[in-house]
Amino acid sequence: MALGADELTEIERIVAAAEAGASPLAGLRQRFPHLAWTRCDASDVSEVPFKSLPRFDLHLIDGSDHCVQITSDLERATGVVLAARSTKP
């Protein structure tokens, strides 16, 4: 099931509202169980993020073909990579 624009807006809201030091991943998995979720460090992803938020970059995953890949096409997105960026105190 593809990621909808309204869902992306809600995901952005949840991620942006996450408290410092906390990961919103568990709540996102519960709220959007039809999407694939991955969390990593932003330095582990070389592609340009679909969206950058204060503490996380969001990358869209296209899992519709044999191999999973990063996509910028919302209509092909079947999941999200939540890439944590280091923040200076």
PDB file of N, CA and C in Angstrom:
ATOM      1  N   MET A   1       0.841  -1.174   0.000  1.00  0.00           N
ATOM      2  CA  MET A   1       0.000   0.000   0.000  1.00  0.00           C
ATOM      3  C   MET A   1       0.887   1.238   0.000  1.00  0.00           C
ATOM      4  N   ALA A   2       0.624   2.153  -0.902  1.00  0.00           N
ATOM      5  CA  ALA A   2       1.438   3.358  -1.047  1.00  0.00           C
ATOM      6  C   ALA A   2       1.147   4.365   0.065  1.00  0.00           C
ATOM      7  N   LEU A   3       2.098   5.223   0.274  1.00  0.00           N
ATOM      8  CA  LEU A   3       2.010   6.278   1.269  1.00  0.00           C
ATOM      9  C   LEU A   3       1.195   7.434   0.700  1.00  0.00           C
ATOM     10  N   GLY A   4       0.190   7.879   1.430  1.00  0.00           N
ATOM     11  CA  GLY A   4      -0.643   8.988   0.989  1.00  0.00           C
ATOM     12  C   GLY A   4      -0.113  10.329   1.474  1.00  0.00           C
ATOM     13  N   ALA A   5      -0.489  11.396   0.800  1.00  0.00           N
ATOM     14  CA  ALA A   5      -0.038  12.744   1.164  1.00  0.00           C
ATOM     15  C   ALA A   5      -0.481  13.116   2.576  1.00  0.00           C
ATOM     16  N   ASP A   6      -1.707  12.742   2.944  1.00  0.00           N
ATOM     17  CA  ASP A   6      -2.193  13.041   4.301  1.00  0.00           C
ATOM     18  C   ASP A   6      -1.392  12.277   5.348  1.00  0.00           C
ATOM     19  N   GLU A   7      -1.041  11.028   5.024  1.00  0.00           N
ATOM     20  CA  GLU A   7      -0.223  10.241   5.950  1.00  0.00           C
ATOM     21  C   GLU A   7       1.155  10.874   6.112  1.00  0.00           C
ATOM     22  N   LEU A   8       1.736  11.335   5.018  1.00  0.00           N
ATOM     23  CA  LEU A   8       3.048  11.966   5.088  1.00  0.00           C
ATOM     24  C   LEU A   8       3.003  13.213   5.971  1.00  0.00           C
ATOM     25  N   THR A   9       1.960  13.983   5.853  1.00  0.00           N
ATOM     26  CA  THR A   9       1.792  15.170   6.701  1.00  0.00           C
ATOM     27  C   THR A   9       1.728  14.774   8.166  1.00  0.00           C
ATOM     28  N   GLU A  10       0.993  13.715   8.479  1.00  0.00           N
ATOM     29  CA  GLU A  10       0.881  13.236   9.858  1.00  0.00           C
ATOM     30  C   GLU A  10       2.225  12.699  10.364  1.00  0.00           C
ATOM     31  N   ILE A  11       2.951  11.990   9.508  1.00  0.00           N
ATOM     32  CA  ILE A  11       4.271  11.477   9.874  1.00  0.00           C
ATOM     33  C   ILE A  11       5.208  12.633  10.197  1.00  0.00           C
ATOM     34  N   GLU A  12       5.212  13.647   9.357  1.00  0.00           N
ATOM     35  CA  GLU A  12       6.052  14.822   9.596  1.00  0.00           C
ATOM     36  C   GLU A  12       5.702  15.474  10.927  1.00  0.00           C
ATOM     37  N   ARG A  13       4.425  15.577  11.234  1.00  0.00           N
ATOM     38  CA  ARG A  13       3.980  16.187  12.490  1.00  0.00           C
ATOM     39  C   ARG A  13       4.479  15.385  13.690  1.00  0.00           C
ATOM     40  N   ILE A  14       4.341  14.064  13.623  1.00  0.00           N
ATOM     41  CA  ILE A  14       4.772  13.191  14.723  1.00  0.00           C
ATOM     42  C   ILE A  14       6.285  13.267  14.922  1.00  0.00           C
ATOM     43  N   VAL A  15       7.024  13.210  13.829  1.00  0.00           N
ATOM     44  CA  VAL A  15       8.488  13.244  13.914  1.00  0.00           C
ATOM     45  C   VAL A  15       8.964  14.595  14.442  1.00  0.00           C
ATOM     46  N   ALA A  16       8.385  15.675  13.958  1.00  0.00           N
ATOM     47  CA  ALA A  16       8.791  17.011  14.405  1.00  0.00           C
ATOM     48  C   ALA A  16       8.468  17.237  15.882  1.00  0.00           C
ATOM     49  N   ALA A  17       7.413  16.599  16.375  1.00  0.00           N
ATOM     50  CA  ALA A  17       6.985  16.788  17.768  1.00  0.00           C
ATOM     51  C   ALA A  17       7.712  15.875  18.749  1.00  0.00           C
ATOM     52  N   ALA A  18       8.501  14.930  18.253  1.00  0.00           N
ATOM     53  CA  ALA A  18       9.203  13.995  19.141  1.00  0.00           C
ATOM     54  C   ALA A  18      10.183  14.753  20.036  1.00  0.00           C
ATOM     55  N   GLU A  19      10.197  14.389  21.297  1.00  0.00           N
ATOM     56  CA  GLU A  19      11.076  15.036  22.257  1.00  0.00           C
ATOM     57  C   GLU A  19      12.533  14.682  21.971  1.00  0.00           C
ATOM     58  N   ALA A  20      13.417  15.593  22.323  1.00  0.00           N
ATOM     59  CA  ALA A  20      14.851  15.364  22.136  1.00  0.00           C
ATOM     60  C   ALA A  20      15.264  14.084  22.853  1.00  0.00           C
ATOM     61  N   GLY A  21      16.053  13.284  22.181  1.00  0.00           N
ATOM     62  CA  GLY A  21      16.528  12.030  22.760  1.00  0.00           C
ATOM     63  C   GLY A  21      15.558  10.876  22.613  1.00  0.00           C
ATOM     64  N   ALA A  22      14.354  11.146  22.149  1.00  0.00           N
ATOM     65  CA  ALA A  22      13.347  10.091  21.984  1.00  0.00           C
ATOM     66  C   ALA A  22      13.203   9.757  20.500  1.00  0.00           C
ATOM     67  N   SER A  23      12.951   8.503  20.234  1.00  0.00           N
ATOM     68  CA  SER A  23      12.708   8.077  18.860  1.00  0.00           C
ATOM     69  C   SER A  23      11.212   7.863  18.661  1.00  0.00           C
ATOM     70  N   PRO A  24      10.642   8.467  17.639  1.00  0.00           N
ATOM     71  CA  PRO A  24       9.217   8.296  17.368  1.00  0.00           C
ATOM     72  C   PRO A  24       8.900   7.004  16.613  1.00  0.00           C
ATOM     73  N   LEU A  25       9.897   6.155  16.385  1.00  0.00           N
ATOM     74  CA  LEU A  25       9.724   4.984  15.526  1.00  0.00           C
ATOM     75  C   LEU A  25       8.635   4.031  16.001  1.00  0.00           C
ATOM     76  N   ALA A  26       8.599   3.694  17.265  1.00  0.00           N
ATOM     77  CA  ALA A  26       7.597   2.741  17.771  1.00  0.00           C
ATOM     78  C   ALA A  26       6.184   3.267  17.546  1.00  0.00           C
ATOM     79  N   GLY A  27       5.970   4.531  17.828  1.00  0.00           N
ATOM     80  CA  GLY A  27       4.655   5.129  17.613  1.00  0.00           C
ATOM     81  C   GLY A  27       4.271   5.180  16.149  1.00  0.00           C
ATOM     82  N   LEU A  28       5.248   5.439  15.283  1.00  0.00           N
ATOM     83  CA  LEU A  28       4.981   5.469  13.843  1.00  0.00           C
ATOM     84  C   LEU A  28       4.615   4.077  13.330  1.00  0.00           C
ATOM     85  N   ARG A  29       5.332   3.068  13.797  1.00  0.00           N
ATOM     86  CA  ARG A  29       5.017   1.691  13.382  1.00  0.00           C
ATOM     87  C   ARG A  29       3.601   1.295  13.812  1.00  0.00           C
ATOM     88  N   GLN A  30       3.223   1.725  15.002  1.00  0.00           N
ATOM     89  CA  GLN A  30       1.891   1.407  15.503  1.00  0.00           C
ATOM     90  C   GLN A  30       0.815   2.170  14.726  1.00  0.00           C
ATOM     91  N   ARG A  31       1.062   3.429  14.441  1.00  0.00           N
ATOM     92  CA  ARG A  31       0.080   4.280  13.756  1.00  0.00           C
ATOM     93  C   ARG A  31      -0.048   3.932  12.277  1.00  0.00           C
ATOM     94  N   PHE A  32       1.053   3.500  11.647  1.00  0.00           N
ATOM     95  CA  PHE A  32       1.076   3.206  10.207  1.00  0.00           C
ATOM     96  C   PHE A  32       1.647   1.801   9.967  1.00  0.00           C
ATOM     97  N   PRO A  33       0.923   0.756  10.381  1.00  0.00           N
ATOM     98  CA  PRO A  33       1.462  -0.605  10.271  1.00  0.00           C
ATOM     99  C   PRO A  33       1.608  -1.106   8.831  1.00  0.00           C
ATOM    100  N   HIS A  34       0.946  -0.470   7.895  1.00  0.00           N
ATOM    101  CA  HIS A  34       1.024  -0.899   6.492  1.00  0.00           C
ATOM    102  C   HIS A  34       2.281  -0.404   5.788  1.00  0.00           C
ATOM    103  N   LEU A  35       3.076   0.438   6.473  1.00  0.00           N
ATOM    104  CA  LEU A  35       4.305   0.955   5.887  1.00  0.00           C
ATOM    105  C   LEU A  35       5.520   0.234   6.476  1.00  0.00           C
ATOM    106  N   ALA A  36       6.568   0.096   5.666  1.00  0.00           N
ATOM    107  CA  ALA A  36       7.845  -0.445   6.144  1.00  0.00           C
ATOM    108  C   ALA A  36       8.607   0.699   6.807  1.00  0.00           C
ATOM    109  N   TRP A  37       9.217   0.422   7.957  1.00  0.00           N
ATOM    110  CA  TRP A  37       9.931   1.444   8.709  1.00  0.00           C
ATOM    111  C   TRP A  37      11.358   0.997   8.977  1.00  0.00           C
ATOM    112  N   THR A  38      12.296   1.925   8.805  1.00  0.00           N
ATOM    113  CA  THR A  38      13.693   1.688   9.120  1.00  0.00           C
ATOM    114  C   THR A  38      14.235   2.943   9.789  1.00  0.00           C
ATOM    115  N   ARG A  39      15.053   2.742  10.820  1.00  0.00           N
ATOM    116  CA  ARG A  39      15.708   3.873  11.470  1.00  0.00           C
ATOM    117  C   ARG A  39      17.207   3.678  11.357  1.00  0.00           C
ATOM    118  N   CYS A  40      17.920   4.759  11.031  1.00  0.00           N
ATOM    119  CA  CYS A  40      19.367   4.705  10.937  1.00  0.00           C
ATOM    120  C   CYS A  40      19.929   6.092  11.204  1.00  0.00           C
ATOM    121  N   ASP A  41      21.234   6.202  11.159  1.00  0.00           N
ATOM    122  CA  ASP A  41      21.882   7.490  11.278  1.00  0.00           C
ATOM    123  C   ASP A  41      21.870   8.157   9.903  1.00  0.00           C
ATOM    124  N   ALA A  42      21.705   9.451   9.856  1.00  0.00           N
ATOM    125  CA  ALA A  42      21.645  10.161   8.575  1.00  0.00           C
ATOM    126  C   ALA A  42      22.917   9.958   7.753  1.00  0.00           C
ATOM    127  N   SER A  43      24.044   9.753   8.405  1.00  0.00           N
ATOM    128  CA  SER A  43      25.302   9.542   7.674  1.00  0.00           C
ATOM    129  C   SER A  43      25.327   8.204   6.942  1.00  0.00           C
ATOM    130  N   ASP A  44      24.378   7.318   7.242  1.00  0.00           N
ATOM    131  CA  ASP A  44      24.300   6.019   6.575  1.00  0.00           C
ATOM    132  C   ASP A  44      23.561   6.086   5.243  1.00  0.00           C
ATOM    133  N   VAL A  45      22.943   7.230   4.937  1.00  0.00           N
ATOM    134  CA  VAL A  45      22.147   7.359   3.713  1.00  0.00           C
ATOM    135  C   VAL A  45      22.771   8.442   2.843  1.00  0.00           C
ATOM    136  N   SER A  46      23.130   8.076   1.611  1.00  0.00           N
ATOM    137  CA  SER A  46      23.789   9.046   0.722  1.00  0.00           C
ATOM    138  C   SER A  46      22.796   9.825  -0.147  1.00  0.00           C
ATOM    139  N   GLU A  47      21.565   9.338  -0.274  1.00  0.00           N
ATOM    140  CA  GLU A  47      20.574  10.012  -1.101  1.00  0.00           C
ATOM    141  C   GLU A  47      20.068  11.296  -0.426  1.00  0.00           C
ATOM    142  N   VAL A  48      19.608  12.215  -1.242  1.00  0.00           N
ATOM    143  CA  VAL A  48      19.012  13.451  -0.740  1.00  0.00           C
ATOM    144  C   VAL A  48      17.690  13.103  -0.060  1.00  0.00           C
ATOM    145  N   PRO A  49      17.444  13.618   1.141  1.00  0.00           N
ATOM    146  CA  PRO A  49      16.195  13.296   1.849  1.00  0.00           C
ATOM    147  C   PRO A  49      14.963  13.832   1.107  1.00  0.00           C
ATOM    148  N   PHE A  50      13.868  13.125   1.262  1.00  0.00           N
ATOM    149  CA  PHE A  50      12.594  13.607   0.732  1.00  0.00           C
ATOM    150  C   PHE A  50      12.165  14.837   1.531  1.00  0.00           C
ATOM    151  N   LYS A  51      12.431  14.797   2.836  1.00  0.00           N
ATOM    152  CA  LYS A  51      12.072  15.898   3.731  1.00  0.00           C
ATOM    153  C   LYS A  51      13.075  15.924   4.877  1.00  0.00           C
ATOM    154  N   SER A  52      13.543  17.115   5.243  1.00  0.00           N
ATOM    155  CA  SER A  52      14.421  17.278   6.388  1.00  0.00           C
ATOM    156  C   SER A  52      13.661  17.995   7.493  1.00  0.00           C
ATOM    157  N   LEU A  53      13.704  17.404   8.664  1.00  0.00           N
ATOM    158  CA  LEU A  53      13.078  17.978   9.846  1.00  0.00           C
ATOM    159  C   LEU A  53      14.194  18.305  10.839  1.00  0.00           C
ATOM    160  N   PRO A  54      13.899  18.983  11.934  1.00  0.00           N
ATOM    161  CA  PRO A  54      14.978  19.400  12.840  1.00  0.00           C
ATOM    162  C   PRO A  54      15.921  18.280  13.295  1.00  0.00           C
ATOM    163  N   ARG A  55      15.408  17.103  13.606  1.00  0.00           N
ATOM    164  CA  ARG A  55      16.261  16.025  14.124  1.00  0.00           C
ATOM    165  C   ARG A  55      16.369  14.819  13.210  1.00  0.00           C
ATOM    166  N   PHE A  56      15.499  14.727  12.221  1.00  0.00           N
ATOM    167  CA  PHE A  56      15.470  13.553  11.348  1.00  0.00           C
ATOM    168  C   PHE A  56      15.316  13.958   9.887  1.00  0.00           C
ATOM    169  N   ASP A  57      15.911  13.155   9.014  1.00  0.00           N
ATOM    170  CA  ASP A  57      15.629  13.230   7.584  1.00  0.00           C
ATOM    171  C   ASP A  57      14.674  12.094   7.261  1.00  0.00           C
ATOM    172  N   LEU A  58      13.729  12.354   6.386  1.00  0.00           N
ATOM    173  CA  LEU A  58      12.805  11.314   5.930  1.00  0.00           C
ATOM    174  C   LEU A  58      13.163  10.933   4.503  1.00  0.00           C
ATOM    175  N   HIS A  59      13.361   9.639   4.294  1.00  0.00           N
ATOM    176  CA  HIS A  59      13.604   9.087   2.963  1.00  0.00           C
ATOM    177  C   HIS A  59      12.464   8.118   2.680  1.00  0.00           C
ATOM    178  N   LEU A  60      11.940   8.157   1.479  1.00  0.00           N
ATOM    179  CA  LEU A  60      10.853   7.250   1.108  1.00  0.00           C
ATOM    180  C   LEU A  60      11.427   5.978   0.517  1.00  0.00           C
ATOM    181  N   ILE A  61      10.802   4.853   0.850  1.00  0.00           N
ATOM    182  CA  ILE A  61      11.215   3.540   0.361  1.00  0.00           C
ATOM    183  C   ILE A  61      10.217   3.061  -0.684  1.00  0.00           C
ATOM    184  N   ASP A  62      10.739   2.562  -1.795  1.00  0.00           N
ATOM    185  CA  ASP A  62       9.920   1.917  -2.822  1.00  0.00           C
ATOM    186  C   ASP A  62      10.225   0.426  -2.758  1.00  0.00           C
ATOM    187  N   GLY A  63       9.270  -0.356  -2.269  1.00  0.00           N
ATOM    188  CA  GLY A  63       9.453  -1.798  -2.167  1.00  0.00           C
ATOM    189  C   GLY A  63       8.595  -2.558  -3.154  1.00  0.00           C
ATOM    190  N   SER A  64       8.155  -1.883  -4.214  1.00  0.00           N
ATOM    191  CA  SER A  64       7.229  -2.515  -5.152  1.00  0.00           C
ATOM    192  C   SER A  64       7.919  -3.474  -6.124  1.00  0.00           C
ATOM    193  N   ASP A  65       9.215  -3.316  -6.317  1.00  0.00           N
ATOM    194  CA  ASP A  65       9.952  -4.210  -7.204  1.00  0.00           C
ATOM    195  C   ASP A  65      10.713  -5.233  -6.369  1.00  0.00           C
ATOM    196  N   HIS A  66      11.520  -6.022  -7.021  1.00  0.00           N
ATOM    197  CA  HIS A  66      12.270  -7.077  -6.349  1.00  0.00           C
ATOM    198  C   HIS A  66      13.192  -6.527  -5.263  1.00  0.00           C
ATOM    199  N   CYS A  67      13.847  -5.401  -5.543  1.00  0.00           N
ATOM    200  CA  CYS A  67      14.766  -4.791  -4.590  1.00  0.00           C
ATOM    201  C   CYS A  67      14.174  -3.503  -4.026  1.00  0.00           C
ATOM    202  N   VAL A  68      14.412  -3.274  -2.760  1.00  0.00           N
ATOM    203  CA  VAL A  68      13.962  -2.044  -2.113  1.00  0.00           C
ATOM    204  C   VAL A  68      14.921  -0.928  -2.506  1.00  0.00           C
ATOM    205  N   GLN A  69      14.365   0.254  -2.755  1.00  0.00           N
ATOM    206  CA  GLN A  69      15.202   1.396  -3.102  1.00  0.00           C
ATOM    207  C   GLN A  69      14.601   2.686  -2.554  1.00  0.00           C
ATOM    208  N   ILE A  70      15.446   3.705  -2.428  1.00  0.00           N
ATOM    209  CA  ILE A  70      14.985   5.028  -2.023  1.00  0.00           C
ATOM    210  C   ILE A  70      14.310   5.673  -3.233  1.00  0.00           C
ATOM    211  N   THR A  71      13.195   6.361  -2.977  1.00  0.00           N
ATOM    212  CA  THR A  71      12.475   7.037  -4.056  1.00  0.00           C
ATOM    213  C   THR A  71      12.058   8.429  -3.611  1.00  0.00           C
ATOM    214  N   SER A  72      11.807   9.280  -4.564  1.00  0.00           N
ATOM    215  CA  SER A  72      11.230  10.594  -4.267  1.00  0.00           C
ATOM    216  C   SER A  72       9.791  10.657  -4.764  1.00  0.00           C
ATOM    217  N   ASP A  73       9.300   9.532  -5.271  1.00  0.00           N
ATOM    218  CA  ASP A  73       7.952   9.441  -5.823  1.00  0.00           C
ATOM    219  C   ASP A  73       6.987   8.963  -4.739  1.00  0.00           C
ATOM    220  N   LEU A  74       6.176   9.875  -4.245  1.00  0.00           N
ATOM    221  CA  LEU A  74       5.236   9.561  -3.172  1.00  0.00           C
ATOM    222  C   LEU A  74       4.282   8.432  -3.564  1.00  0.00           C
ATOM    223  N   GLU A  75       3.913   8.353  -4.837  1.00  0.00           N
ATOM    224  CA  GLU A  75       2.980   7.321  -5.296  1.00  0.00           C
ATOM    225  C   GLU A  75       3.590   5.925  -5.269  1.00  0.00           C
ATOM    226  N   ARG A  76       4.914   5.831  -5.264  1.00  0.00           N
ATOM    227  CA  ARG A  76       5.590   4.528  -5.224  1.00  0.00           C
ATOM    228  C   ARG A  76       6.070   4.165  -3.828  1.00  0.00           C
ATOM    229  N   ALA A  77       5.961   5.104  -2.889  1.00  0.00           N
ATOM    230  CA  ALA A  77       6.499   4.895  -1.548  1.00  0.00           C
ATOM    231  C   ALA A  77       5.674   3.881  -0.766  1.00  0.00           C
ATOM    232  N   THR A  78       6.366   2.880  -0.242  1.00  0.00           N
ATOM    233  CA  THR A  78       5.727   1.849   0.581  1.00  0.00           C
ATOM    234  C   THR A  78       6.297   1.843   1.997  1.00  0.00           C
ATOM    235  N   GLY A  79       7.192   2.785   2.269  1.00  0.00           N
ATOM    236  CA  GLY A  79       7.789   2.865   3.593  1.00  0.00           C
ATOM    237  C   GLY A  79       8.641   4.098   3.743  1.00  0.00           C
ATOM    238  N   VAL A  80       9.234   4.224   4.933  1.00  0.00           N
ATOM    239  CA  VAL A  80      10.007   5.416   5.273  1.00  0.00           C
ATOM    240  C   VAL A  80      11.277   5.014   6.016  1.00  0.00           C
ATOM    241  N   VAL A  81      12.377   5.659   5.664  1.00  0.00           N
ATOM    242  CA  VAL A  81      13.604   5.580   6.444  1.00  0.00           C
ATOM    243  C   VAL A  81      13.647   6.828   7.304  1.00  0.00           C
ATOM    244  N   LEU A  82      13.742   6.633   8.595  1.00  0.00           N
ATOM    245  CA  LEU A  82      13.837   7.713   9.559  1.00  0.00           C
ATOM    246  C   LEU A  82      15.332   7.841   9.909  1.00  0.00           C
ATOM    247  N   ALA A  83      15.990   8.830   9.321  1.00  0.00           N
ATOM    248  CA  ALA A  83      17.440   8.974   9.470  1.00  0.00           C
ATOM    249  C   ALA A  83      17.735  10.076  10.482  1.00  0.00           C
ATOM    250  N   ALA A  84      18.277   9.679  11.629  1.00  0.00           N
ATOM    251  CA  ALA A  84      18.557  10.622  12.711  1.00  0.00           C
ATOM    252  C   ALA A  84      19.791  11.452  12.378  1.00  0.00           C
ATOM    253  N   ARG A  85      19.629  12.760  12.492  1.00  0.00           N
ATOM    254  CA  ARG A  85      20.759  13.666  12.287  1.00  0.00           C
ATOM    255  C   ARG A  85      21.297  14.076  13.650  1.00  0.00           C
ATOM    256  N   SER A  86      22.605  14.168  13.754  1.00  0.00           N
ATOM    257  CA  SER A  86      23.182  14.612  15.014  1.00  0.00           C
ATOM    258  C   SER A  86      22.898  16.100  15.170  1.00  0.00           C
ATOM    259  N   THR A  87      22.556  16.474  16.378  1.00  0.00           N
ATOM    260  CA  THR A  87      22.258  17.884  16.645  1.00  0.00           C
ATOM    261  C   THR A  87      23.235  18.395  17.698  1.00  0.00           C
ATOM    262  N   LYS A  88      23.657  19.604  17.515  1.00  0.00           N
ATOM    263  CA  LYS A  88      24.565  20.222  18.483  1.00  0.00           C
ATOM    264  C   LYS A  88      23.760  20.741  19.667  1.00  0.00           C
ATOM    265  N   PRO A  89      24.257  20.530  20.897  1.00  0.00           N
ATOM    266  CA  PRO A  89      23.529  21.022  22.077  1.00  0.00           C
ATOM    267  C   PRO A  89      23.522  22.531  22.167  1.00  0.00           C
TER     268      PRO A  89
END
